Amino acid sequence: MDFTAQPKPATALCGVVSADGKIAYPPGVKEITDKITTDEMIKRLKMVVKTFMDMDQDSEDEKQQYLPLALHLASEFFLRNPNKDVRLLVACCLADIFRIYAPEAPYTSHDKLKDIFLFITRQLKGLEDTKSPQFNRYFYLLENLAWVKSYNICFELEDCNEIFIQLFRTLFSVINNSHNKKVQMHMLDLMSSIIMEGDGVTQELLDSILINLIPAHKNLNKQSFDLAKVLLKRTVQTIEACIANFFNQVLVLGRSSVSDLSEHVFDLIQELFAIDPHLLLSVMPQLEFKLKSNDGEERLAVVRLLAKLFGSKDSDLATQNRPLWQCFLGRFNDIHVPVRLESVKFASHCLMNHPDLAKDLTEYLKVRSHDPEEAIRHDVIVTIITAAKRDLALVNDQLLGFVRERTLDKRWRVRKEAMMGLAQLYKKYCLHGEAGKEAAEKVSWIKDKLLHIYYQNSIDDKLLVEKIFAQYLVPHNLETEERMKCLYYLYASLDPNAVKALNEMWKCQNMLRSHVRELLDLHKQPTSEANCSAMFGKLMTIAKNLPDPGKAQDFVKKFNQVLGDDEKLRSQLELLISPTCSCKQADVCVREIARKLANPKQPTNPFLEMVKFLLERIAPVHIDSEAIR
């Protein structure tokens, strides 16, 4: 039953009363006027509600009899009544009147109809409180309006939009987590009939739905978000054109004034895509147009949005819309650095969620791995390593090759990222064998490659190789037997150049140990000019074996001063470099010395960091007498 068939305007019923000039009331109900108390009025209205509730469309005599009462209930006295219980009862009567007299409502004045529907809409706010003793009546009102599609009468009104906007805003504001499925269902029926049976959705009405998808609103009221989501899914065929028009106005024509939500277009596109990609059928070509914008910041915003749409787990946008995907890939070569950076960051999610697109991405990542911008080359490595750590099968040999190349990058930050990334992959897939023999073979070259870097001139590279060896290739925290087994297998499977590098590494560490031992011997001798000169020479030699030798000189001098003043510290250092020191003792010594030099008031302490570098290089973390045995 609905009101899409409109009343014939010929009969003006607004003044009909019974033959004797009086309004006919149901049996047992006295006259309802402003002369009675509110309590009495409520009592009488309840009986009227019951009468209308029990009537159906076929009761022709009763319909004629109670027509004056129906008109009386729509008078200003009731519509503006200050008592909310009176207003609720009147609204229930009016909803039943629309049901009984359908398809011809007894109110023919457009102004009166507008007043009635705005009045009924205001009463629906009472749905908010499910614990209210009146809630069942509010629910009855909603159910009745939804079932009869009463609001469809308003299509004939010039300003029906005002009523619909008010209705939608009210329903979205009252829905909450204490409502059951029936409440949501009736709200959906009510709103979807207005969308699907009307002549189109105005921008303001569309805004009243879309505003619930904006993150700030979504977080405030999840139920209104869910309601909007289901409503959009249900009305996708009708509403898609209105959505397309909105985005066309804002994205293509630049008319942001058409809606208060213009500044949220990208958030909205993301949410609508997640709800149902069909809602955006006509919007996607507009995004392609935006990707080619002359404004770098605008392109960046679109790239960020599309990265989420292409990269999300269940998205098949790249296969469904190839032109847009190709256009998006073109942004990897954008002139604007932040756009290239954003594109590279996206690749990681894409590799993990859509391995089938790896082939498309490989060529673009290759070019970016040689980008003039350090940050972009760095992020290419992060992208590939992140995906490889998730699952080695996600990255092909070509992608791993890009990381291998970057271990020789001119920038330390990039080299370090590449070396550490490869070390983590080696530990995960070769040492721990997390993905079987095939995966281990795929990355078995990493150990040789990392040790070859020891041939580089930079002290930073050498130190990082030592650190990687101790943490990833042969982890020093393994039990002695495991550690030696690990070292044995590694040594046996290295290529000749890597073996030379490893021998060189141990030789350098041993030489530095000798320098520190000689420094400690000088501390035992009486102070003299020759002694001071020899000590200074020794300190300079030690500093050359640490990162940033210029700064290291000052720190080494400071450390030497502390050694001169603190006998206990000297004996700790003596133990650390003595041939009898075990790996476990070395670990304790390093921690003790670091603890003594730490300054709680100085969380970042470059002096302490430098001393730790020195201690890590000279500490026997792998081989002691037990290990030899």
Foldseek 3Di string as FASTA:
>chain_A
DAQLPEADLPDQQLCDDDPVSHQDAPPPADDQDPVDDPVNNLVNLVVRLVVLVPDAQPPVVVLNRRLNVLSVLLDPCQLVPPDLSSLLSSLSSNLSQVRNPPNYRNHNDLVSVVSSLLSNLVNLLVCQDCPDPCNVSSQSSLQSCLVHLHLSNLLPHPVSVVSLLSNLLSLLVRDAPVDDPSSLVSSLSNNLCCQPVHPHDAPSSVCSLLVCQQVVNCVVGVRSVVSSLVSCVVNLVRHLVVLLVVLCCCQVVVNLVSDPCSVVVLSSQLSNVVSPVSSCPNVLVSLLVQCPDPDPVSVQSSLLSVLCQLLDQPHPCCVVPVVSVVSSLVQCVPPDVSSVQSSLLSLLSNLQRPLVCQVVCLVSLLVQCPDPDPSSVQSLLVSQLSNCVVPVVSHDLSSLVSLLVQCPPPDPSSVLSSLVSLLVQQQCCQVVVPPHDVSNVSSVCSLQSLLLQCPDPALVSVLSSLVSCCPRQQPLPDPLVSSLVSVVVSCVPHDPSSVVSVVVLVVVLLVLLVLVVVLLVLLVDDDDPVSVVVNLVSLLVNLVNFHPSVVSSVLSVVVSVVCSVDVVLSVLSVLQQDQQNDLVSLVVSLVVNLVVPDDVVDPDDVSSVRVSSSSSSNGPSRDHPVSVD
